[in-house]
Every structure is written in structure tokens, then in C-alpha cells.
PDB file of N, CA and C in Angstrom:
ATOM      1  N   MET A   1      37.288 -19.419  12.040  1.00  0.00           N
ATOM      2  CA  MET A   1      38.501 -18.732  12.444  1.00  0.00           C
ATOM      3  C   MET A   1      38.181 -17.249  12.627  1.00  0.00           C
ATOM      4  N   ASP A   2      38.839 -16.638  13.582  1.00  0.00           N
ATOM      5  CA  ASP A   2      38.663 -15.224  13.887  1.00  0.00           C
ATOM      6  C   ASP A   2      39.480 -14.381  12.911  1.00  0.00           C
ATOM      7  N   ALA A   3      39.188 -13.092  12.867  1.00  0.00           N
ATOM      8  CA  ALA A   3      39.877 -12.232  11.900  1.00  0.00           C
ATOM      9  C   ALA A   3      40.203 -10.870  12.496  1.00  0.00           C
ATOM     10  N   ILE A   4      41.317 -10.331  12.049  1.00  0.00           N
ATOM     11  CA  ILE A   4      41.711  -8.946  12.302  1.00  0.00           C
ATOM     12  C   ILE A   4      41.710  -8.242  10.957  1.00  0.00           C
ATOM     13  N   HIS A   5      41.111  -7.055  10.913  1.00  0.00           N
ATOM     14  CA  HIS A   5      41.051  -6.279   9.677  1.00  0.00           C
ATOM     15  C   HIS A   5      41.806  -4.957   9.866  1.00  0.00           C
ATOM     16  N   LEU A   6      42.646  -4.626   8.936  1.00  0.00           N
ATOM     17  CA  LEU A   6      43.251  -3.296   8.842  1.00  0.00           C
ATOM     18  C   LEU A   6      42.836  -2.751   7.483  1.00  0.00           C
ATOM     19  N   GLU A   7      42.221  -1.588   7.485  1.00  0.00           N
ATOM     20  CA  GLU A   7      41.653  -1.076   6.241  1.00  0.00           C
ATOM     21  C   GLU A   7      42.154   0.327   5.925  1.00  0.00           C
ATOM     22  N   ASP A   8      42.316   0.563   4.648  1.00  0.00           N
ATOM     23  CA  ASP A   8      42.649   1.881   4.109  1.00  0.00           C
ATOM     24  C   ASP A   8      43.987   2.409   4.643  1.00  0.00           C
ATOM     25  N   LEU A   9      44.956   1.501   4.797  1.00  0.00           N
ATOM     26  CA  LEU A   9      46.319   1.928   5.126  1.00  0.00           C
ATOM     27  C   LEU A   9      46.896   2.557   3.865  1.00  0.00           C
ATOM     28  N   THR A  10      47.371   3.771   3.956  1.00  0.00           N
ATOM     29  CA  THR A  10      47.833   4.496   2.774  1.00  0.00           C
ATOM     30  C   THR A  10      49.313   4.818   2.895  1.00  0.00           C
ATOM     31  N   PHE A  11      50.046   4.502   1.816  1.00  0.00           N
ATOM     32  CA  PHE A  11      51.493   4.706   1.786  1.00  0.00           C
ATOM     33  C   PHE A  11      51.885   5.335   0.450  1.00  0.00           C
ATOM     34  N   PHE A  12      52.920   6.143   0.472  1.00  0.00           N
ATOM     35  CA  PHE A  12      53.461   6.730  -0.753  1.00  0.00           C
ATOM     36  C   PHE A  12      54.666   5.899  -1.190  1.00  0.00           C
ATOM     37  N   ALA A  13      54.647   5.445  -2.444  1.00  0.00           N
ATOM     38  CA  ALA A  13      55.732   4.579  -2.929  1.00  0.00           C
ATOM     39  C   ALA A  13      55.902   4.749  -4.433  1.00  0.00           C
ATOM     40  N   HIS A  14      56.837   3.998  -5.002  1.00  0.00           N
ATOM     41  CA  HIS A  14      57.254   4.163  -6.397  1.00  0.00           C
ATOM     42  C   HIS A  14      57.142   2.860  -7.182  1.00  0.00           C
ATOM     43  N   HIS A  15      55.957   2.294  -7.281  1.00  0.00           N
ATOM     44  CA  HIS A  15      55.747   1.045  -8.011  1.00  0.00           C
ATOM     45  C   HIS A  15      55.073   1.327  -9.346  1.00  0.00           C
ATOM     46  N   GLY A  16      55.384   0.498 -10.329  1.00  0.00           N
ATOM     47  CA  GLY A  16      54.731   0.619 -11.625  1.00  0.00           C
ATOM     48  C   GLY A  16      55.686   0.341 -12.766  1.00  0.00           C
ATOM     49  N   LEU A  17      55.098   0.090 -13.921  1.00  0.00           N
ATOM     50  CA  LEU A  17      55.876  -0.238 -15.119  1.00  0.00           C
ATOM     51  C   LEU A  17      56.545   0.970 -15.755  1.00  0.00           C
ATOM     52  N   PHE A  18      55.926   2.135 -15.585  1.00  0.00           N
ATOM     53  CA  PHE A  18      56.379   3.303 -16.326  1.00  0.00           C
ATOM     54  C   PHE A  18      57.390   4.134 -15.549  1.00  0.00           C
ATOM     55  N   GLU A  19      58.320   4.737 -16.286  1.00  0.00           N
ATOM     56  CA  GLU A  19      59.387   5.531 -15.688  1.00  0.00           C
ATOM     57  C   GLU A  19      58.837   6.657 -14.812  1.00  0.00           C
ATOM     58  N   GLU A  20      57.739   7.256 -15.261  1.00  0.00           N
ATOM     59  CA  GLU A  20      57.136   8.351 -14.493  1.00  0.00           C
ATOM     60  C   GLU A  20      56.662   7.878 -13.124  1.00  0.00           C
ATOM     61  N   GLU A  21      56.134   6.655 -13.063  1.00  0.00           N
ATOM     62  CA  GLU A  21      55.672   6.112 -11.787  1.00  0.00           C
ATOM     63  C   GLU A  21      56.842   5.904 -10.835  1.00  0.00           C
ATOM     64  N   ALA A  22      57.945   5.424 -11.372  1.00  0.00           N
ATOM     65  CA  ALA A  22      59.136   5.202 -10.553  1.00  0.00           C
ATOM     66  C   ALA A  22      59.714   6.532 -10.067  1.00  0.00           C
ATOM     67  N   LYS A  23      59.658   7.527 -10.936  1.00  0.00           N
ATOM     68  CA  LYS A  23      60.249   8.816 -10.626  1.00  0.00           C
ATOM     69  C   LYS A  23      59.389   9.645  -9.667  1.00  0.00           C
ATOM     70  N   LEU A  24      58.099   9.746  -9.969  1.00  0.00           N
ATOM     71  CA  LEU A  24      57.213  10.621  -9.212  1.00  0.00           C
ATOM     72  C   LEU A  24      56.586   9.945  -7.992  1.00  0.00           C
ATOM     73  N   GLY A  25      56.318   8.647  -8.089  1.00  0.00           N
ATOM     74  CA  GLY A  25      55.645   7.932  -7.014  1.00  0.00           C
ATOM     75  C   GLY A  25      54.161   8.256  -6.957  1.00  0.00           C
ATOM     76  N   GLN A  26      53.464   7.542  -6.099  1.00  0.00           N
ATOM     77  CA  GLN A  26      52.029   7.753  -5.926  1.00  0.00           C
ATOM     78  C   GLN A  26      51.572   7.044  -4.660  1.00  0.00           C
ATOM     79  N   ARG A  27      50.325   7.243  -4.323  1.00  0.00           N
ATOM     80  CA  ARG A  27      49.762   6.608  -3.141  1.00  0.00           C
ATOM     81  C   ARG A  27      49.245   5.208  -3.467  1.00  0.00           C
ATOM     82  N   PHE A  28      49.412   4.327  -2.508  1.00  0.00           N
ATOM     83  CA  PHE A  28      48.877   2.967  -2.580  1.00  0.00           C
ATOM     84  C   PHE A  28      48.091   2.731  -1.299  1.00  0.00           C
ATOM     85  N   ARG A  29      46.955   2.067  -1.424  1.00  0.00           N
ATOM     86  CA  ARG A  29      46.126   1.748  -0.264  1.00  0.00           C
ATOM     87  C   ARG A  29      46.078   0.244  -0.061  1.00  0.00           C
ATOM     88  N   VAL A  30      46.145  -0.176   1.199  1.00  0.00           N
ATOM     89  CA  VAL A  30      46.150  -1.595   1.542  1.00  0.00           C
ATOM     90  C   VAL A  30      44.994  -1.882   2.501  1.00  0.00           C
ATOM     91  N   ASP A  31      44.183  -2.885   2.149  1.00  0.00           N
ATOM     92  CA  ASP A  31      43.190  -3.462   3.054  1.00  0.00           C
ATOM     93  C   ASP A  31      43.669  -4.870   3.371  1.00  0.00           C
ATOM     94  N   LEU A  32      43.663  -5.221   4.637  1.00  0.00           N
ATOM     95  CA  LEU A  32      44.241  -6.490   5.069  1.00  0.00           C
ATOM     96  C   LEU A  32      43.287  -7.214   6.006  1.00  0.00           C
ATOM     97  N   THR A  33      43.168  -8.517   5.800  1.00  0.00           N
ATOM     98  CA  THR A  33      42.471  -9.378   6.746  1.00  0.00           C
ATOM     99  C   THR A  33      43.406 -10.522   7.110  1.00  0.00           C
ATOM    100  N   CYS A  34      43.553 -10.746   8.405  1.00  0.00           N
ATOM    101  CA  CYS A  34      44.368 -11.848   8.916  1.00  0.00           C
ATOM    102  C   CYS A  34      43.470 -12.771   9.724  1.00  0.00           C
ATOM    103  N   TRP A  35      43.529 -14.052   9.408  1.00  0.00           N
ATOM    104  CA  TRP A  35      42.743 -15.032  10.151  1.00  0.00           C
ATOM    105  C   TRP A  35      43.640 -15.767  11.126  1.00  0.00           C
ATOM    106  N   LEU A  36      43.172 -15.888  12.363  1.00  0.00           N
ATOM    107  CA  LEU A  36      43.900 -16.568  13.415  1.00  0.00           C
ATOM    108  C   LEU A  36      42.938 -16.837  14.566  1.00  0.00           C
ATOM    109  N   ASP A  37      43.383 -17.587  15.526  1.00  0.00           N
ATOM    110  CA  ASP A  37      42.565 -17.888  16.699  1.00  0.00           C
ATOM    111  C   ASP A  37      42.747 -16.775  17.728  1.00  0.00           C
ATOM    112  N   LEU A  38      41.680 -16.053  18.011  1.00  0.00           N
ATOM    113  CA  LEU A  38      41.728 -14.956  18.973  1.00  0.00           C
ATOM    114  C   LEU A  38      41.037 -15.309  20.294  1.00  0.00           C
ATOM    115  N   THR A  39      40.873 -16.595  20.552  1.00  0.00           N
ATOM    116  CA  THR A  39      40.193 -17.036  21.762  1.00  0.00           C
ATOM    117  C   THR A  39      40.880 -16.506  23.019  1.00  0.00           C
ATOM    118  N   ARG A  40      42.184 -16.668  23.098  1.00  0.00           N
ATOM    119  CA  ARG A  40      42.908 -16.220  24.307  1.00  0.00           C
ATOM    120  C   ARG A  40      42.754 -14.723  24.521  1.00  0.00           C
ATOM    121  N   ALA A  41      42.917 -13.937  23.457  1.00  0.00           N
ATOM    122  CA  ALA A  41      42.795 -12.485  23.589  1.00  0.00           C
ATOM    123  C   ALA A  41      41.376 -12.075  23.993  1.00  0.00           C
ATOM    124  N   SER A  42      40.387 -12.787  23.471  1.00  0.00           N
ATOM    125  CA  SER A  42      39.001 -12.434  23.792  1.00  0.00           C
ATOM    126  C   SER A  42      38.647 -12.759  25.245  1.00  0.00           C
ATOM    127  N   ASN A  43      39.437 -13.612  25.880  1.00  0.00           N
ATOM    128  CA  ASN A  43      39.212 -13.952  27.287  1.00  0.00           C
ATOM    129  C   ASN A  43      40.155 -13.217  28.237  1.00  0.00           C
ATOM    130  N   SER A  44      41.381 -12.960  27.791  1.00  0.00           N
ATOM    131  CA  SER A  44      42.405 -12.432  28.703  1.00  0.00           C
ATOM    132  C   SER A  44      42.481 -10.914  28.762  1.00  0.00           C
ATOM    133  N   ASP A  45      42.165 -10.243  27.646  1.00  0.00           N
ATOM    134  CA  ASP A  45      42.314  -8.788  27.536  1.00  0.00           C
ATOM    135  C   ASP A  45      43.777  -8.362  27.636  1.00  0.00           C
ATOM    136  N   GLU A  46      44.692  -9.251  27.199  1.00  0.00           N
ATOM    137  CA  GLU A  46      46.132  -8.976  27.238  1.00  0.00           C
ATOM    138  C   GLU A  46      46.678  -8.845  25.822  1.00  0.00           C
ATOM    139  N   ILE A  47      47.479  -7.828  25.594  1.00  0.00           N
ATOM    140  CA  ILE A  47      48.012  -7.536  24.256  1.00  0.00           C
ATOM    141  C   ILE A  47      48.855  -8.682  23.705  1.00  0.00           C
ATOM    142  N   GLU A  48      49.573  -9.389  24.560  1.00  0.00           N
ATOM    143  CA  GLU A  48      50.421 -10.471  24.058  1.00  0.00           C
ATOM    144  C   GLU A  48      49.623 -11.659  23.516  1.00  0.00           C
ATOM    145  N   ASP A  49      48.323 -11.668  23.767  1.00  0.00           N
ATOM    146  CA  ASP A  49      47.487 -12.756  23.261  1.00  0.00           C
ATOM    147  C   ASP A  49      46.856 -12.447  21.905  1.00  0.00           C
ATOM    148  N   THR A  50      47.253 -11.343  21.328  1.00  0.00           N
ATOM    149  CA  THR A  50      46.766 -10.992  19.994  1.00  0.00           C
ATOM    150  C   THR A  50      47.933 -10.503  19.147  1.00  0.00           C
ATOM    151  N   VAL A  51      47.650 -10.142  17.929  1.00  0.00           N
ATOM    152  CA  VAL A  51      48.646  -9.595  17.015  1.00  0.00           C
ATOM    153  C   VAL A  51      48.627  -8.076  17.149  1.00  0.00           C
ATOM    154  N   SER A  52      49.772  -7.475  17.227  1.00  0.00           N
ATOM    155  CA  SER A  52      49.869  -6.026  17.332  1.00  0.00           C
ATOM    156  C   SER A  52      49.518  -5.374  16.001  1.00  0.00           C
ATOM    157  N   TYR A  53      48.464  -4.577  16.002  1.00  0.00           N
ATOM    158  CA  TYR A  53      48.072  -3.861  14.780  1.00  0.00           C
ATOM    159  C   TYR A  53      49.179  -2.902  14.359  1.00  0.00           C
ATOM    160  N   ALA A  54      49.837  -2.295  15.345  1.00  0.00           N
ATOM    161  CA  ALA A  54      50.924  -1.359  15.048  1.00  0.00           C
ATOM    162  C   ALA A  54      52.093  -2.079  14.380  1.00  0.00           C
ATOM    163  N   ASP A  55      52.468  -3.251  14.906  1.00  0.00           N
ATOM    164  CA  ASP A  55      53.572  -4.008  14.306  1.00  0.00           C
ATOM    165  C   ASP A  55      53.241  -4.410  12.873  1.00  0.00           C
ATOM    166  N   LEU A  56      52.001  -4.861  12.647  1.00  0.00           N
ATOM    167  CA  LEU A  56      51.591  -5.218  11.287  1.00  0.00           C
ATOM    168  C   LEU A  56      51.674  -4.013  10.352  1.00  0.00           C
ATOM    169  N   THR A  57      51.144  -2.892  10.813  1.00  0.00           N
ATOM    170  CA  THR A  57      51.131  -1.684   9.979  1.00  0.00           C
ATOM    171  C   THR A  57      52.543  -1.228   9.637  1.00  0.00           C
ATOM    172  N   LEU A  58      53.429  -1.221  10.607  1.00  0.00           N
ATOM    173  CA  LEU A  58      54.813  -0.803  10.351  1.00  0.00           C
ATOM    174  C   LEU A  58      55.525  -1.764   9.403  1.00  0.00           C
ATOM    175  N   ALA A  59      55.276  -3.055   9.551  1.00  0.00           N
ATOM    176  CA  ALA A  59      55.901  -4.040   8.659  1.00  0.00           C
ATOM    177  C   ALA A  59      55.394  -3.868   7.231  1.00  0.00           C
ATOM    178  N   ILE A  60      54.108  -3.645   7.080  1.00  0.00           N
ATOM    179  CA  ILE A  60      53.540  -3.429   5.743  1.00  0.00           C
ATOM    180  C   ILE A  60      54.091  -2.144   5.143  1.00  0.00           C
ATOM    181  N   GLU A  61      54.153  -1.089   5.939  1.00  0.00           N
ATOM    182  CA  GLU A  61      54.696   0.185   5.448  1.00  0.00           C
ATOM    183  C   GLU A  61      56.125  -0.003   4.929  1.00  0.00           C
ATOM    184  N   LYS A  62      56.939  -0.720   5.676  1.00  0.00           N
ATOM    185  CA  LYS A  62      58.329  -0.944   5.252  1.00  0.00           C
ATOM    186  C   LYS A  62      58.365  -1.700   3.925  1.00  0.00           C
ATOM    187  N   THR A  63      57.533  -2.722   3.790  1.00  0.00           N
ATOM    188  CA  THR A  63      57.499  -3.499   2.549  1.00  0.00           C
ATOM    189  C   THR A  63      57.068  -2.638   1.372  1.00  0.00           C
ATOM    190  N   VAL A  64      56.035  -1.840   1.566  1.00  0.00           N
ATOM    191  CA  VAL A  64      55.504  -1.022   0.469  1.00  0.00           C
ATOM    192  C   VAL A  64      56.464   0.092   0.087  1.00  0.00           C
ATOM    193  N   THR A  65      57.100   0.708   1.062  1.00  0.00           N
ATOM    194  CA  THR A  65      57.899   1.904   0.770  1.00  0.00           C
ATOM    195  C   THR A  65      59.382   1.645   0.509  1.00  0.00           C
ATOM    196  N   SER A  66      59.901   0.486   0.889  1.00  0.00           N
ATOM    197  CA  SER A  66      61.341   0.276   0.718  1.00  0.00           C
ATOM    198  C   SER A  66      61.685  -0.692  -0.413  1.00  0.00           C
ATOM    199  N   ASN A  67      60.691  -1.120  -1.153  1.00  0.00           N
ATOM    200  CA  ASN A  67      60.905  -1.978  -2.318  1.00  0.00           C
ATOM    201  C   ASN A  67      60.351  -1.283  -3.553  1.00  0.00           C
ATOM    202  N   ARG A  68      60.685  -1.806  -4.716  1.00  0.00           N
ATOM    203  CA  ARG A  68      60.115  -1.298  -5.963  1.00  0.00           C
ATOM    204  C   ARG A  68      59.737  -2.476  -6.831  1.00  0.00           C
ATOM    205  N   PHE A  69      58.455  -2.519  -7.212  1.00  0.00           N
ATOM    206  CA  PHE A  69      57.943  -3.585  -8.069  1.00  0.00           C
ATOM    207  C   PHE A  69      57.240  -2.981  -9.269  1.00  0.00           C
ATOM    208  N   ASN A  70      57.278  -3.682 -10.382  1.00  0.00           N
ATOM    209  CA  ASN A  70      56.536  -3.263 -11.568  1.00  0.00           C
ATOM    210  C   ASN A  70      55.041  -3.494 -11.401  1.00  0.00           C
ATOM    211  N   LEU A  71      54.687  -4.612 -10.769  1.00  0.00           N
ATOM    212  CA  LEU A  71      53.291  -5.039 -10.694  1.00  0.00           C
ATOM    213  C   LEU A  71      52.749  -4.938  -9.278  1.00  0.00           C
ATOM    214  N   ILE A  72      51.502  -4.476  -9.155  1.00  0.00           N
ATOM    215  CA  ILE A  72      50.889  -4.458  -7.828  1.00  0.00           C
ATOM    216  C   ILE A  72      50.578  -5.878  -7.364  1.00  0.00           C
ATOM    217  N   GLU A  73      50.472  -6.818  -8.292  1.00  0.00           N
ATOM    218  CA  GLU A  73      50.311  -8.218  -7.905  1.00  0.00           C
ATOM    219  C   GLU A  73      51.525  -8.691  -7.101  1.00  0.00           C
ATOM    220  N   ARG A  74      52.707  -8.308  -7.539  1.00  0.00           N
ATOM    221  CA  ARG A  74      53.940  -8.688  -6.831  1.00  0.00           C
ATOM    222  C   ARG A  74      54.034  -7.982  -5.485  1.00  0.00           C
ATOM    223  N   LEU A  75      53.648  -6.713  -5.462  1.00  0.00           N
ATOM    224  CA  LEU A  75      53.644  -5.964  -4.209  1.00  0.00           C
ATOM    225  C   LEU A  75      52.681  -6.607  -3.206  1.00  0.00           C
ATOM    226  N   ALA A  76      51.511  -7.006  -3.655  1.00  0.00           N
ATOM    227  CA  ALA A  76      50.547  -7.670  -2.767  1.00  0.00           C
ATOM    228  C   ALA A  76      51.127  -8.975  -2.226  1.00  0.00           C
ATOM    229  N   GLY A  77      51.822  -9.726  -3.070  1.00  0.00           N
ATOM    230  CA  GLY A  77      52.474 -10.956  -2.618  1.00  0.00           C
ATOM    231  C   GLY A  77      53.542 -10.682  -1.575  1.00  0.00           C
ATOM    232  N   ALA A  78      54.290  -9.605  -1.750  1.00  0.00           N
ATOM    233  CA  ALA A  78      55.318  -9.240  -0.773  1.00  0.00           C
ATOM    234  C   ALA A  78      54.688  -8.834   0.557  1.00  0.00           C
ATOM    235  N   VAL A  79      53.547  -8.166   0.514  1.00  0.00           N
ATOM    236  CA  VAL A  79      52.845  -7.791   1.740  1.00  0.00           C
ATOM    237  C   VAL A  79      52.404  -9.044   2.494  1.00  0.00           C
ATOM    238  N   ILE A  80      51.856 -10.018   1.772  1.00  0.00           N
ATOM    239  CA  ILE A  80      51.428 -11.262   2.421  1.00  0.00           C
ATOM    240  C   ILE A  80      52.614 -11.960   3.080  1.00  0.00           C
ATOM    241  N   GLN A  81      53.724 -12.047   2.387  1.00  0.00           N
ATOM    242  CA  GLN A  81      54.922 -12.677   2.949  1.00  0.00           C
ATOM    243  C   GLN A  81      55.353 -11.955   4.223  1.00  0.00           C
ATOM    244  N   THR A  82      55.325 -10.641   4.198  1.00  0.00           N
ATOM    245  CA  THR A  82      55.688  -9.842   5.367  1.00  0.00           C
ATOM    246  C   THR A  82      54.764 -10.117   6.540  1.00  0.00           C
ATOM    247  N   VAL A  83      53.468 -10.213   6.268  1.00  0.00           N
ATOM    248  CA  VAL A  83      52.501 -10.469   7.341  1.00  0.00           C
ATOM    249  C   VAL A  83      52.779 -11.820   7.994  1.00  0.00           C
ATOM    250  N   PHE A  84      53.012 -12.846   7.184  1.00  0.00           N
ATOM    251  CA  PHE A  84      53.318 -14.162   7.752  1.00  0.00           C
ATOM    252  C   PHE A  84      54.607 -14.132   8.571  1.00  0.00           C
ATOM    253  N   GLU A  85      55.573 -13.352   8.148  1.00  0.00           N
ATOM    254  CA  GLU A  85      56.836 -13.243   8.885  1.00  0.00           C
ATOM    255  C   GLU A  85      56.684 -12.435  10.175  1.00  0.00           C
ATOM    256  N   THR A  86      55.696 -11.567  10.227  1.00  0.00           N
ATOM    257  CA  THR A  86      55.502 -10.692  11.379  1.00  0.00           C
ATOM    258  C   THR A  86      54.957 -11.436  12.590  1.00  0.00           C
ATOM    259  N   ASP A  87      54.043 -12.391  12.349  1.00  0.00           N
ATOM    260  CA  ASP A  87      53.474 -13.128  13.485  1.00  0.00           C
ATOM    261  C   ASP A  87      53.093 -14.536  13.061  1.00  0.00           C
ATOM    262  N   SER A  88      53.663 -15.520  13.726  1.00  0.00           N
ATOM    263  CA  SER A  88      53.459 -16.920  13.351  1.00  0.00           C
ATOM    264  C   SER A  88      52.053 -17.436  13.661  1.00  0.00           C
ATOM    265  N   ARG A  89      51.281 -16.699  14.433  1.00  0.00           N
ATOM    266  CA  ARG A  89      49.917 -17.127  14.752  1.00  0.00           C
ATOM    267  C   ARG A  89      48.938 -16.886  13.600  1.00  0.00           C
ATOM    268  N   ILE A  90      49.326 -16.065  12.664  1.00  0.00           N
ATOM    269  CA  ILE A  90      48.449 -15.758  11.530  1.00  0.00           C
ATOM    270  C   ILE A  90      48.450 -16.937  10.572  1.00  0.00           C
ATOM    271  N   GLU A  91      47.278 -17.487  10.324  1.00  0.00           N
ATOM    272  CA  GLU A  91      47.133 -18.691   9.492  1.00  0.00           C
ATOM    273  C   GLU A  91      46.775 -18.386   8.044  1.00  0.00           C
ATOM    274  N   GLU A  92      46.085 -17.275   7.830  1.00  0.00           N
ATOM    275  CA  GLU A  92      45.622 -16.942   6.478  1.00  0.00           C
ATOM    276  C   GLU A  92      45.569 -15.427   6.343  1.00  0.00           C
ATOM    277  N   VAL A  93      45.852 -14.940   5.146  1.00  0.00           N
ATOM    278  CA  VAL A  93      45.898 -13.499   4.884  1.00  0.00           C
ATOM    279  C   VAL A  93      45.193 -13.198   3.572  1.00  0.00           C
ATOM    280  N   ARG A  94      44.432 -12.116   3.591  1.00  0.00           N
ATOM    281  CA  ARG A  94      43.904 -11.562   2.342  1.00  0.00           C
ATOM    282  C   ARG A  94      44.345 -10.103   2.286  1.00  0.00           C
ATOM    283  N   VAL A  95      44.923  -9.718   1.175  1.00  0.00           N
ATOM    284  CA  VAL A  95      45.319  -8.327   0.982  1.00  0.00           C
ATOM    285  C   VAL A  95      44.664  -7.817  -0.295  1.00  0.00           C
ATOM    286  N   ARG A  96      44.106  -6.641  -0.193  1.00  0.00           N
ATOM    287  CA  ARG A  96      43.599  -5.937  -1.373  1.00  0.00           C
ATOM    288  C   ARG A  96      44.429  -4.674  -1.487  1.00  0.00           C
ATOM    289  N   LEU A  97      45.119  -4.556  -2.596  1.00  0.00           N
ATOM    290  CA  LEU A  97      46.023  -3.444  -2.815  1.00  0.00           C
ATOM    291  C   LEU A  97      45.450  -2.552  -3.908  1.00  0.00           C
ATOM    292  N   HIS A  98      45.205  -1.297  -3.560  1.00  0.00           N
ATOM    293  CA  HIS A  98      44.604  -0.318  -4.471  1.00  0.00           C
ATOM    294  C   HIS A  98      45.687   0.601  -5.023  1.00  0.00           C
ATOM    295  N   LYS A  99      45.591   0.878  -6.288  1.00  0.00           N
ATOM    296  CA  LYS A  99      46.482   1.836  -6.935  1.00  0.00           C
ATOM    297  C   LYS A  99      45.595   2.916  -7.571  1.00  0.00           C
ATOM    298  N   PRO A 100      45.183   3.901  -6.773  1.00  0.00           N
ATOM    299  CA  PRO A 100      44.232   4.902  -7.266  1.00  0.00           C
ATOM    300  C   PRO A 100      44.735   5.699  -8.468  1.00  0.00           C
ATOM    301  N   GLY A 101      46.057   5.857  -8.575  1.00  0.00           N
ATOM    302  CA  GLY A 101      46.623   6.632  -9.672  1.00  0.00           C
ATOM    303  C   GLY A 101      47.099   5.796 -10.839  1.00  0.00           C
ATOM    304  N   ALA A 102      46.588   4.588 -10.965  1.00  0.00           N
ATOM    305  CA  ALA A 102      47.012   3.722 -12.077  1.00  0.00           C
ATOM    306  C   ALA A 102      46.732   4.412 -13.411  1.00  0.00           C
ATOM    307  N   PRO A 103      47.656   4.303 -14.356  1.00  0.00           N
ATOM    308  CA  PRO A 103      47.478   4.961 -15.648  1.00  0.00           C
ATOM    309  C   PRO A 103      46.446   4.225 -16.519  1.00  0.00           C
ATOM    310  N   LEU A 104      45.172   4.508 -16.258  1.00  0.00           N
ATOM    311  CA  LEU A 104      44.082   3.901 -17.021  1.00  0.00           C
ATOM    312  C   LEU A 104      43.656   4.841 -18.149  1.00  0.00           C
ATOM    313  N   PRO A 105      43.172   4.296 -19.240  1.00  0.00           N
ATOM    314  CA  PRO A 105      42.773   5.138 -20.373  1.00  0.00           C
ATOM    315  C   PRO A 105      41.361   5.725 -20.224  1.00  0.00           C
ATOM    316  N   THR A 106      40.994   6.093 -18.999  1.00  0.00           N
ATOM    317  CA  THR A 106      39.700   6.732 -18.731  1.00  0.00           C
ATOM    318  C   THR A 106      39.929   7.874 -17.757  1.00  0.00           C
ATOM    319  N   PRO A 107      39.027   8.838 -17.703  1.00  0.00           N
ATOM    320  CA  PRO A 107      39.223   9.961 -16.787  1.00  0.00           C
ATOM    321  C   PRO A 107      38.980   9.601 -15.317  1.00  0.00           C
ATOM    322  N   THR A 108      38.301   8.491 -15.048  1.00  0.00           N
ATOM    323  CA  THR A 108      38.046   8.079 -13.668  1.00  0.00           C
ATOM    324  C   THR A 108      38.334   6.588 -13.519  1.00  0.00           C
ATOM    325  N   GLY A 109      38.372   6.133 -12.291  1.00  0.00           N
ATOM    326  CA  GLY A 109      38.582   4.714 -12.015  1.00  0.00           C
ATOM    327  C   GLY A 109      39.914   4.474 -11.342  1.00  0.00           C
ATOM    328  N   GLN A 110      40.046   3.270 -10.814  1.00  0.00           N
ATOM    329  CA  GLN A 110      41.293   2.866 -10.183  1.00  0.00           C
ATOM    330  C   GLN A 110      41.463   1.370 -10.335  1.00  0.00           C
ATOM    331  N   ALA A 111      42.666   0.914 -10.120  1.00  0.00           N
ATOM    332  CA  ALA A 111      42.969  -0.509 -10.214  1.00  0.00           C
ATOM    333  C   ALA A 111      43.270  -1.047  -8.820  1.00  0.00           C
ATOM    334  N   SER A 112      42.905  -2.305  -8.605  1.00  0.00           N
ATOM    335  CA  SER A 112      43.279  -2.985  -7.370  1.00  0.00           C
ATOM    336  C   SER A 112      43.404  -4.473  -7.654  1.00  0.00           C
ATOM    337  N   VAL A 113      44.164  -5.160  -6.807  1.00  0.00           N
ATOM    338  CA  VAL A 113      44.265  -6.616  -6.875  1.00  0.00           C
ATOM    339  C   VAL A 113      43.992  -7.151  -5.481  1.00  0.00           C
ATOM    340  N   GLU A 114      43.544  -8.391  -5.436  1.00  0.00           N
ATOM    341  CA  GLU A 114      43.304  -9.057  -4.165  1.00  0.00           C
ATOM    342  C   GLU A 114      43.925 -10.430  -4.204  1.00  0.00           C
ATOM    343  N   LEU A 115      44.750 -10.726  -3.199  1.00  0.00           N
ATOM    344  CA  LEU A 115      45.366 -12.040  -3.057  1.00  0.00           C
ATOM    345  C   LEU A 115      44.980 -12.600  -1.696  1.00  0.00           C
ATOM    346  N   LYS A 116      44.781 -13.903  -1.650  1.00  0.00           N
ATOM    347  CA  LYS A 116      44.467 -14.589  -0.399  1.00  0.00           C
ATOM    348  C   LYS A 116      45.336 -15.838  -0.327  1.00  0.00           C
ATOM    349  N   ARG A 117      46.058 -15.987   0.798  1.00  0.00           N
ATOM    350  CA  ARG A 117      46.969 -17.104   0.936  1.00  0.00           C
ATOM    351  C   ARG A 117      46.860 -17.704   2.342  1.00  0.00           C
ATOM    352  N   LYS A 118      47.008 -19.021   2.407  1.00  0.00           N
ATOM    353  CA  LYS A 118      47.122 -19.715   3.679  1.00  0.00           C
ATOM    354  C   LYS A 118      48.602 -19.928   3.965  1.00  0.00           C
ATOM    355  N   ARG A 119      48.958 -19.955   5.200  1.00  0.00           N
ATOM    356  CA  ARG A 119      50.364 -20.120   5.590  1.00  0.00           C
ATOM    357  C   ARG A 119      50.968 -21.361   4.934  1.00  0.00           C
ATOM    358  N   SER A 120      50.249 -22.432   4.851  1.00  0.00           N
ATOM    359  CA  SER A 120      50.782 -23.671   4.266  1.00  0.00           C
ATOM    360  C   SER A 120      51.049 -23.555   2.772  1.00  0.00           C
ATOM    361  N   ASN A 121      50.491 -22.508   2.116  1.00  0.00           N
ATOM    362  CA  ASN A 121      50.685 -22.328   0.673  1.00  0.00           C
ATOM    363  C   ASN A 121      51.790 -21.345   0.339  1.00  0.00           C
ATOM    364  N   THR A 122      52.471 -20.805   1.327  1.00  0.00           N
ATOM    365  CA  THR A 122      53.487 -19.779   1.055  1.00  0.00           C
ATOM    366  C   THR A 122      54.843 -20.394   0.889  1.00  0.00           C
TER     367      THR A 122
END
């Protein structure tokens, strides 16, 4: 299966368990891979034969910035649901969601989660 990758999409949002995270917000980064058949697009050179990267990015931005979740695992699940709703040709999605400002008990480091789902499993 062919793949489309969107990497290092960065959004400012208010997710997290702690009151300070909800109040102050922070940056979240999204890496996305969508698997689908790109045969037609690779032969036709027509935009309607592929998935719009702009539409995907805007849909993900809306999901990340207009909701509030305690867990980045839940946020990643919401992103996957949004991607499947955005284009029915997408058969499988992997999202890696980074929370660079996660409150870790070390001076450096970051947290991220990765979820991978097939359309039939959603």
C-alpha cells in the first residue's frame, strides 16, 4: 500500500492532566502516515486522485486545538478518527503525537505516543 506522510505539524493547545497545562497551553507536534492506493494519482497528476494534504492538516489542527483531553493517547485517537472522516480512501493511519513540554521529572526529554489503526478497526 502507498503512503502519504505529514511530519512535524505543530499546534498550540491545552491538553493535559494538570490545571497549569489547561490554563497556559503548550505546543504539540503531530507526525502522520496515511496508507491508501495512490495508483491513480501517480498516473493522472490530478489533485482529485489523491488526498489533499491541506485538508488533512486543517482537520487535524481543528481536532487538536478545539478539544481538550487529559491524555495525549486520547488526543492521538481523536486525530485518527478525524483523518478517517476526512477522506474515505484512507485505509490505515499511524499518528505519533509529541508533547515536548510534558511535565517530566528530568531537566530534558519529551513524551510521545504512537497509535496505528486500520479503518476496519475504528
